[in-house]
Amino acid sequence: MSSTSLLHRLSLAQKFIILGLLALFMIVVPSVLNVQRAMADLTQAQREDKGVGSLVLLNRVIQLTQIHRGLSAGTLNGNETMAGRRPSVRDSVGKALEALDAELKKIEVSPATQSQWTDLQQRWVALEQGVANKQLKTPESTKLHTQLIAGELLLSEKLMDEFGLSVDADADSSALIRASLVSMPLLAENLGIMRAMGSGFLSQGSLSPEGRATLQAVQKRALEVQSDMFRNLKKVTAANPEISAVLEAKAESGRLAVDKTLALADQGLISATELKLPATQYFDEFTRTIDGLYEFNALAMKQLTNDLSAHVNGLRRTEILLLSMQLLLLTAAVSLAVVFVRSITTPVAQAVGVAKAVAEGDLGVEVPVQGSNELGQLMQALAFMRDHLAQVVTQVRQGSDGVATASAEIAEEIGRA
């Protein structure tokens, strides 16, 4: 059976249904893809929003661990003032660990991340006991603390990857994440290493050439990370003036504090011929600077959290609007399609009915004429055909009646003759 024959067998309604299904398919496929993309963006934003809280808590753990490292160095070198301050920091670390542990369970991190976190907790317990029992020497304590903090920074990176924060598509959010979740912790860590090592050297009153070289190397690294951090912050402020208004002053204050603290380390330790700077003064100066960085980071993280939440809400509203519009348009399209099909098939059916009635001899059939389009013109033509046929039939009947009368008269005349 040829395709032409098949088309001739299909009714108009069936043809319109086929065309409608094809049009619906052409509309639905891109609409579904758009909805899927919107849902994927929303899911990604929700993941980021879900994970950022754990990173805030982890930063607090890192900050306190860094402080404990410096106090431990002074404690193990016989500084009683720093030894007296260590237990309260130890307790704060424990509380921060508990808060982060609860958060990681709440957001259901992957088994690999949970395993890494459990290992860090165990290492902290062993390290703290070693310091408390004075089983460790200062260099070993500093080394173990630094390794523990390195593990915490790796955990931060893993959480960023797991919750999609490391691949944020927005330029301002991406630069802010880089500055606050990557560069700032590294800067604080390098300053923390200098704080711990310097406190130990000042407590014991001597600085070896190897220690001096190490401090110089860490100082250089701190300056590099500081440059990277503020380069990313410039990207943030350039892309988002609102964030600039919130963070710019605090960031500049932090930069000046870092410069001042590094200058103190250079004058009091690295370039000093004699170590006269009190260990507690050195420790407190570094602590104020590092705490200032973490205060800035808390402000940046709050801004980031607000932006992520606003982004999630915006995407959710967009998705609802998109779905509503597509549903509305689909309903309107289907409704219009039904109306259009009926506006064609109904007059055609009426035309068929009129033609059948005329063919059966019903010249009084009503011909409904609606509109002036092609179907209206068809109905007008049928009405004209009906009226014209009626006139012809009337004329034929009148002619037949005349012939019959004449025939009767002729027959009558013949009969008389």
Protein backbone atom coordinates (compact mmCIF):
# COMPACT_ATOMS: atom_id res chain seq x y z
CA MET A 1 0.00 0.00 0.00
CA SER A 2 1.49 3.35 -1.06
CA SER A 3 1.92 6.24 1.32
CA THR A 4 -0.49 8.33 -0.80
CA SER A 5 -3.17 5.66 -0.47
CA LEU A 6 -2.61 5.53 3.30
CA LEU A 7 -2.94 9.29 3.60
CA HIS A 8 -6.19 9.15 1.64
CA ARG A 9 -7.51 6.62 4.11
CA LEU A 10 -6.79 8.81 7.12
CA SER A 11 -9.45 11.18 8.32
CA LEU A 12 -8.69 14.84 8.89
CA ALA A 13 -8.87 14.32 12.65
CA GLN A 14 -6.30 11.51 12.43
CA LYS A 15 -4.00 13.65 10.30
CA PHE A 16 -4.25 16.52 12.76
CA ILE A 17 -3.55 14.17 15.66
CA ILE A 18 -0.37 12.95 13.93
CA LEU A 19 0.75 16.53 13.26
CA GLY A 20 -0.09 17.47 16.83
CA LEU A 21 1.96 14.60 18.23
CA LEU A 22 4.93 15.59 16.09
CA ALA A 23 4.65 19.21 17.22
CA LEU A 24 4.27 18.09 20.84
CA PHE A 25 7.40 15.96 20.53
CA MET A 26 9.33 18.93 19.10
CA ILE A 27 8.21 21.06 22.04
CA VAL A 28 8.51 18.50 24.82
CA VAL A 29 12.06 17.31 24.07
CA PRO A 30 13.76 20.75 24.40
CA SER A 31 11.49 21.59 27.32
CA VAL A 32 12.51 18.42 29.15
CA LEU A 33 16.18 19.18 28.45
CA ASN A 34 15.75 22.71 29.81
CA VAL A 35 14.03 21.41 32.92
CA GLN A 36 16.75 18.78 33.42
CA ARG A 37 19.45 21.43 33.11
CA ALA A 38 17.62 23.69 35.56
CA MET A 39 17.19 20.81 37.99
CA ALA A 40 20.88 19.89 37.64
CA ASP A 41 21.86 23.50 38.40
CA LEU A 42 19.53 23.50 41.39
CA THR A 43 20.90 20.19 42.66
CA GLN A 44 24.46 21.49 42.32
CA ALA A 45 23.63 24.70 44.16
CA GLN A 46 21.90 22.72 46.92
CA ARG A 47 24.98 20.50 47.27
CA GLU A 48 27.22 23.53 47.63
CA ASP A 49 24.87 25.09 50.16
CA LYS A 50 24.75 21.81 52.06
CA GLY A 51 28.53 21.41 52.27
CA VAL A 52 29.64 24.94 53.09
CA GLY A 53 28.62 24.63 56.76
CA SER A 54 31.01 21.73 57.32
CA LEU A 55 33.85 23.79 55.86
CA VAL A 56 33.11 26.62 58.26
CA LEU A 57 33.38 24.19 61.18
CA LEU A 58 36.50 22.58 59.75
CA ASN A 59 38.18 25.99 59.49
CA ARG A 60 37.48 26.45 63.18
CA VAL A 61 39.11 23.09 63.92
CA ILE A 62 42.16 24.08 61.86
CA GLN A 63 42.40 27.45 63.60
CA LEU A 64 42.33 25.92 67.08
CA THR A 65 44.76 23.15 66.13
CA GLN A 66 47.19 25.80 64.92
CA ILE A 67 46.89 27.66 68.22
CA HIS A 68 47.45 24.41 70.11
CA ARG A 69 50.58 23.77 68.05
CA GLY A 70 52.10 27.09 69.10
CA LEU A 71 51.15 26.67 72.75
CA SER A 72 52.52 23.12 72.74
CA ALA A 73 55.86 24.36 71.41
CA GLY A 74 56.13 26.89 74.22
CA THR A 75 54.92 24.37 76.79
CA LEU A 76 57.47 21.72 75.84
CA ASN A 77 60.23 24.34 75.96
CA GLY A 78 59.30 25.25 79.54
CA ASN A 79 57.15 28.37 79.07
CA GLU A 80 54.76 28.19 82.03
CA THR A 81 52.49 30.98 80.77
CA MET A 82 51.85 29.14 77.53
CA ALA A 83 51.53 25.84 79.40
CA GLY A 84 48.74 27.36 81.49
CA ARG A 85 46.84 28.49 78.39
CA ARG A 86 47.07 25.19 76.53
CA PRO A 87 44.33 23.19 78.35
CA SER A 88 41.56 25.67 77.47
CA VAL A 89 42.57 25.56 73.82
CA ARG A 90 42.70 21.76 73.98
CA ASP A 91 39.12 21.74 75.27
CA SER A 92 38.06 24.13 72.52
CA VAL A 93 39.59 21.82 69.93
CA GLY A 94 37.61 18.92 71.40
CA LYS A 95 34.33 20.86 71.17
CA ALA A 96 35.09 21.94 67.62
CA LEU A 97 35.81 18.33 66.66
CA GLU A 98 32.50 17.21 68.15
CA ALA A 99 30.58 19.92 66.27
CA LEU A 100 32.24 19.01 62.97
CA ASP A 101 31.68 15.29 63.56
CA ALA A 102 27.96 15.89 64.07
CA GLU A 103 27.79 18.04 60.92
CA LEU A 104 29.57 15.46 58.76
CA LYS A 105 27.12 12.80 59.92
CA LYS A 106 24.21 15.13 59.26
CA ILE A 107 25.21 15.85 55.66
CA GLU A 108 26.11 12.18 55.10
CA VAL A 109 29.59 12.47 53.65
CA SER A 110 31.02 9.61 51.62
CA PRO A 111 32.59 6.61 53.42
CA ALA A 112 36.05 7.66 52.19
CA THR A 113 35.62 11.16 53.64
CA GLN A 114 34.28 9.76 56.90
CA SER A 115 37.24 7.38 57.14
CA GLN A 116 39.67 10.23 56.59
CA TRP A 117 37.92 12.27 59.26
CA THR A 118 37.99 9.40 61.78
CA ASP A 119 41.73 9.03 61.22
CA LEU A 120 42.27 12.73 61.92
CA GLN A 121 40.32 12.48 65.17
CA GLN A 122 42.43 9.55 66.33
CA ARG A 123 45.65 11.34 65.44
CA TRP A 124 44.54 14.37 67.44
CA VAL A 125 43.86 12.28 70.55
CA ALA A 126 47.29 10.62 70.37
CA LEU A 127 49.04 13.95 69.73
CA GLU A 128 47.33 15.79 72.57
CA GLN A 129 48.18 13.01 75.01
CA GLY A 130 51.80 13.09 73.88
CA VAL A 131 51.97 16.82 74.59
CA ALA A 132 50.09 16.56 77.91
CA ASN A 133 52.40 13.79 79.14
CA LYS A 134 55.45 15.61 77.71
CA GLN A 135 56.42 12.53 75.77
CA LEU A 136 57.25 14.66 72.72
CA LYS A 137 60.06 17.06 72.00
CA THR A 138 59.21 20.46 70.56
CA PRO A 139 60.30 19.70 66.96
CA GLU A 140 58.38 16.42 66.97
CA SER A 141 55.25 18.09 68.39
CA THR A 142 55.42 20.83 65.77
CA LYS A 143 55.93 18.25 63.04
CA LEU A 144 52.99 16.09 64.16
CA HIS A 145 50.74 19.11 64.54
CA THR A 146 51.71 20.30 61.07
CA GLN A 147 51.02 16.87 59.60
CA LEU A 148 47.64 16.80 61.35
CA ILE A 149 46.75 20.25 59.99
CA ALA A 150 47.89 19.18 56.53
CA GLY A 151 45.43 16.29 56.83
CA GLU A 152 42.69 18.72 57.87
CA LEU A 153 43.44 20.90 54.85
CA LEU A 154 43.23 17.81 52.62
CA LEU A 155 39.88 17.03 54.22
CA SER A 156 38.76 20.57 53.37
CA GLU A 157 39.75 19.99 49.76
CA LYS A 158 37.91 16.68 49.72
CA LEU A 159 34.75 18.27 51.09
CA MET A 160 34.97 21.02 48.48
CA ASP A 161 35.20 18.39 45.74
CA GLU A 162 32.46 16.22 47.21
CA PHE A 163 29.96 19.08 47.43
CA GLY A 164 30.96 20.79 44.19
CA LEU A 165 32.41 23.94 45.72
CA SER A 166 35.67 23.53 43.83
CA VAL A 167 33.85 23.77 40.47
CA ASP A 168 31.43 26.63 41.14
CA ALA A 169 30.47 28.20 37.82
CA ASP A 170 29.89 31.77 39.05
CA ALA A 171 32.99 33.95 38.72
CA ASP A 172 32.51 35.82 42.01
CA SER A 173 31.63 32.72 44.06
CA SER A 174 34.48 30.74 42.53
CA ALA A 175 37.04 33.44 43.34
CA LEU A 176 35.64 33.86 46.85
CA ILE A 177 35.84 30.10 47.45
CA ARG A 178 39.43 30.10 46.21
CA ALA A 179 40.35 33.01 48.48
CA SER A 180 38.52 31.93 51.64
CA LEU A 181 38.63 28.14 51.48
CA VAL A 182 42.03 27.59 49.83
CA SER A 183 44.39 30.56 50.07
CA MET A 184 43.38 31.89 53.48
CA PRO A 185 43.80 28.56 55.34
CA LEU A 186 47.19 28.09 53.66
CA LEU A 187 48.24 31.60 54.66
CA ALA A 188 47.07 31.01 58.22
CA GLU A 189 48.92 27.68 58.26
CA ASN A 190 52.21 29.21 57.18
CA LEU A 191 51.81 31.92 59.79
CA GLY A 192 50.89 29.21 62.29
CA ILE A 193 54.09 27.31 61.54
CA MET A 194 56.07 30.49 62.09
CA ARG A 195 54.17 31.07 65.32
CA ALA A 196 54.93 27.58 66.64
CA MET A 197 58.56 27.51 65.57
CA GLY A 198 59.24 31.07 66.69
CA SER A 199 57.58 30.52 70.07
CA GLY A 200 59.76 27.46 70.61
CA PHE A 201 62.98 29.24 69.62
CA LEU A 202 62.19 32.28 71.76
CA SER A 203 61.25 30.09 74.72
CA GLN A 204 64.58 28.26 74.58
CA GLY A 205 66.46 31.47 73.72
CA SER A 206 68.35 30.20 70.66
CA LEU A 207 67.89 29.91 66.92
CA SER A 208 69.93 27.48 64.85
CA PRO A 209 70.96 28.28 61.25
CA GLU A 210 68.66 25.49 60.08
CA GLY A 211 65.78 26.99 62.04
CA ARG A 212 66.50 30.44 60.63
CA ALA A 213 66.51 29.05 57.07
CA THR A 214 63.24 27.24 57.70
CA LEU A 215 61.59 30.40 59.01
CA GLN A 216 62.79 32.31 55.95
CA ALA A 217 61.36 29.67 53.63
CA VAL A 218 58.00 29.66 55.45
CA GLN A 219 57.92 33.45 55.43
CA LYS A 220 58.48 33.46 51.66
CA ARG A 221 55.71 30.93 51.19
CA ALA A 222 53.37 33.01 53.35
CA LEU A 223 53.95 36.03 51.13
CA GLU A 224 53.22 33.97 48.00
CA VAL A 225 49.96 32.63 49.43
CA GLN A 226 48.99 36.10 50.63
CA SER A 227 49.48 37.41 47.09
CA ASP A 228 47.31 34.61 45.70
CA MET A 229 44.59 35.25 48.29
CA PHE A 230 44.31 38.98 47.57
CA ARG A 231 44.49 38.42 43.82
CA ASN A 232 41.37 36.26 44.10
CA LEU A 233 39.71 38.80 46.36
CA LYS A 234 40.24 41.46 43.69
CA LYS A 235 38.42 39.18 41.24
CA VAL A 236 35.56 38.91 43.72
CA THR A 237 35.26 42.65 44.26
CA ALA A 238 35.51 43.30 40.51
CA ALA A 239 32.74 40.79 39.74
CA ASN A 240 30.45 41.63 42.65
CA PRO A 241 30.36 45.19 44.08
CA GLU A 242 28.07 44.07 46.92
CA ILE A 243 30.69 41.63 48.21
CA SER A 244 33.33 44.32 47.74
CA ALA A 245 31.43 46.65 50.06
CA VAL A 246 31.30 43.96 52.76
CA LEU A 247 34.80 42.49 52.55
CA GLU A 248 37.17 45.08 51.11
CA ALA A 249 37.94 47.01 54.32
CA LYS A 250 38.36 43.85 56.39
CA ALA A 251 40.60 42.32 53.73
CA GLU A 252 42.86 45.37 53.64
CA SER A 253 43.08 45.34 57.43
CA GLY A 254 44.12 41.68 57.31
CA ARG A 255 46.75 42.36 54.68
CA LEU A 256 48.34 45.12 56.79
CA ALA A 257 48.28 42.91 59.89
CA VAL A 258 50.07 40.10 58.02
CA ASP A 259 52.74 42.50 56.80
CA LYS A 260 53.25 43.85 60.32
CA THR A 261 53.49 40.37 61.83
CA LEU A 262 55.97 39.14 59.24
CA ALA A 263 58.06 42.24 59.90
CA LEU A 264 58.02 41.40 63.63
CA ALA A 265 59.21 37.86 62.88
CA ASP A 266 62.00 39.21 60.72
CA GLN A 267 63.17 41.75 63.28
CA GLY A 268 62.72 39.62 66.39
CA LEU A 269 63.93 36.29 65.00
CA ILE A 270 65.14 35.90 61.43
CA SER A 271 67.39 38.97 61.26
CA ALA A 272 68.02 39.35 65.00
CA THR A 273 71.49 38.83 66.40
CA GLU A 274 70.02 38.23 69.88
CA LEU A 275 66.64 36.74 70.78
CA LYS A 276 65.22 39.35 73.15
CA LEU A 277 61.59 39.27 72.03
CA PRO A 278 59.36 37.57 74.67
CA ALA A 279 57.85 34.32 73.39
CA THR A 280 54.37 35.23 74.65
CA GLN A 281 54.48 38.62 72.87
CA TYR A 282 55.54 36.94 69.64
CA PHE A 283 52.88 34.25 70.03
CA ASP A 284 50.12 36.76 70.83
CA GLU A 285 51.05 39.00 67.88
CA PHE A 286 50.85 36.09 65.46
CA THR A 287 47.65 34.86 67.11
CA ARG A 288 45.94 38.24 66.69
CA THR A 289 46.89 38.31 63.03
CA ILE A 290 45.78 34.72 62.39
CA ASP A 291 42.56 35.26 64.33
CA GLY A 292 41.96 38.37 62.23
CA LEU A 293 42.33 36.28 59.09
CA TYR A 294 39.83 33.75 60.42
CA GLU A 295 37.44 36.58 61.36
CA PHE A 296 37.71 37.82 57.79
CA ASN A 297 37.19 34.29 56.58
CA ALA A 298 34.08 33.90 58.74
CA LEU A 299 32.70 37.07 57.17
CA ALA A 300 33.58 35.81 53.70
CA MET A 301 32.03 32.42 54.43
CA LYS A 302 28.87 34.10 55.71
CA GLN A 303 28.70 36.10 52.48
CA LEU A 304 29.33 32.93 50.49
CA THR A 305 26.63 31.07 52.42
CA ASN A 306 24.16 33.89 51.81
CA ASP A 307 25.04 33.96 48.11
CA LEU A 308 24.67 30.19 47.78
CA SER A 309 21.33 30.24 49.61
CA ALA A 310 20.12 33.10 47.43
CA HIS A 311 21.33 31.22 44.36
CA VAL A 312 19.43 28.10 45.45
CA ASN A 313 16.25 30.10 46.08
CA GLY A 314 16.63 31.89 42.75
CA LEU A 315 17.08 28.62 40.87
CA ARG A 316 14.12 27.11 42.69
CA ARG A 317 11.92 30.07 41.72
CA THR A 318 13.20 29.88 38.15
CA GLU A 319 12.44 26.17 37.99
CA ILE A 320 8.91 26.68 39.33
CA LEU A 321 8.35 29.55 36.88
CA LEU A 322 9.75 27.50 34.00
CA LEU A 323 7.57 24.49 34.81
CA SER A 324 4.50 26.68 35.30
CA MET A 325 5.03 28.49 32.01
CA GLN A 326 5.62 25.24 30.14
CA LEU A 327 2.52 23.68 31.68
CA LEU A 328 0.48 26.78 30.87
CA LEU A 329 1.78 26.92 27.30
CA LEU A 330 1.23 23.21 26.82
CA THR A 331 -2.34 23.51 28.10
CA ALA A 332 -2.95 26.51 25.84
CA ALA A 333 -1.42 24.71 22.85
CA VAL A 334 -3.54 21.58 23.38
CA SER A 335 -6.67 23.66 23.91
CA LEU A 336 -6.03 25.71 20.78
CA ALA A 337 -5.23 22.55 18.82
CA VAL A 338 -8.57 21.02 19.84
CA VAL A 339 -10.41 24.23 18.93
CA PHE A 340 -8.60 24.50 15.59
CA VAL A 341 -9.23 20.86 14.71
CA ARG A 342 -12.89 21.19 15.58
CA SER A 343 -13.14 24.41 13.56
CA ILE A 344 -12.01 22.39 10.52
CA THR A 345 -13.49 18.93 11.03
CA THR A 346 -16.93 20.16 12.13
CA PRO A 347 -17.58 22.32 9.00
CA VAL A 348 -16.14 19.55 6.80
CA ALA A 349 -18.52 17.04 8.41
CA GLN A 350 -21.38 19.49 7.92
CA ALA A 351 -20.38 19.95 4.27
CA VAL A 352 -20.38 16.16 3.79
CA GLY A 353 -23.81 15.99 5.38
CA VAL A 354 -25.14 18.73 3.13
CA ALA A 355 -23.71 17.03 0.04
CA LYS A 356 -25.29 13.70 1.02
CA ALA A 357 -28.66 15.34 1.69
CA VAL A 358 -28.59 17.09 -1.69
CA ALA A 359 -27.56 13.86 -3.38
CA GLU A 360 -30.58 12.17 -1.77
CA GLY A 361 -32.85 14.91 -3.11
CA ASP A 362 -33.26 16.98 0.04
CA LEU A 363 -32.94 20.45 -1.43
CA GLY A 364 -34.34 22.03 1.71
CA VAL A 365 -31.38 21.02 3.86
CA GLU A 366 -29.97 23.83 5.97
CA VAL A 367 -26.44 24.93 5.06
CA PRO A 368 -24.70 26.59 8.07
CA VAL A 369 -22.31 29.26 6.83
CA GLN A 370 -19.83 30.53 9.44
CA GLY A 371 -16.96 32.87 8.71
CA SER A 372 -15.33 33.84 5.45
CA ASN A 373 -12.36 31.46 5.35
CA GLU A 374 -11.99 28.56 2.95
CA LEU A 375 -14.49 26.40 4.84
CA GLY A 376 -16.96 29.30 4.97
CA GLN A 377 -16.53 29.72 1.22
CA LEU A 378 -17.11 25.98 0.77
CA MET A 379 -20.37 26.16 2.70
CA GLN A 380 -21.44 29.22 0.67
CA ALA A 381 -20.70 27.28 -2.52
CA LEU A 382 -22.80 24.35 -1.25
CA ALA A 383 -25.62 26.74 -0.38
CA PHE A 384 -25.39 28.24 -3.87
CA MET A 385 -25.38 24.72 -5.40
CA ARG A 386 -28.45 23.76 -3.33
CA ASP A 387 -30.33 26.89 -4.32
CA HIS A 388 -29.35 26.52 -7.99
CA LEU A 389 -30.42 22.86 -8.01
CA ALA A 390 -33.70 23.83 -6.41
CA GLN A 391 -34.30 26.34 -9.18
CA VAL A 392 -33.46 23.78 -11.85
CA VAL A 393 -35.74 21.21 -10.29
CA THR A 394 -38.54 23.78 -10.09
CA GLN A 395 -38.07 24.68 -13.71
CA VAL A 396 -38.04 21.00 -14.71
CA ARG A 397 -41.17 20.37 -12.73
CA GLN A 398 -42.88 23.38 -14.28
CA GLY A 399 -41.78 22.16 -17.76
CA SER A 400 -43.04 18.66 -17.00
CA ASP A 401 -46.36 20.01 -15.83
CA GLY A 402 -46.67 22.08 -19.05
CA VAL A 403 -45.87 19.06 -21.24
CA ALA A 404 -48.39 16.96 -19.34
CA THR A 405 -51.10 19.63 -19.76
CA ALA A 406 -50.36 20.00 -23.50
CA SER A 407 -50.43 16.24 -23.98
CA ALA A 408 -53.79 16.03 -22.24
CA GLU A 409 -55.22 18.78 -24.37
CA ILE A 410 -53.98 17.12 -27.59
CA ALA A 411 -55.45 13.80 -26.54
CA GLU A 412 -58.74 15.47 -25.80
CA GLU A 413 -58.84 17.16 -29.21
CA ILE A 414 -58.09 13.90 -30.94
CA GLY A 415 -60.93 12.23 -29.06
CA ARG A 416 -63.38 14.79 -30.19
CA ALA A 417 -62.43 14.43 -33.76
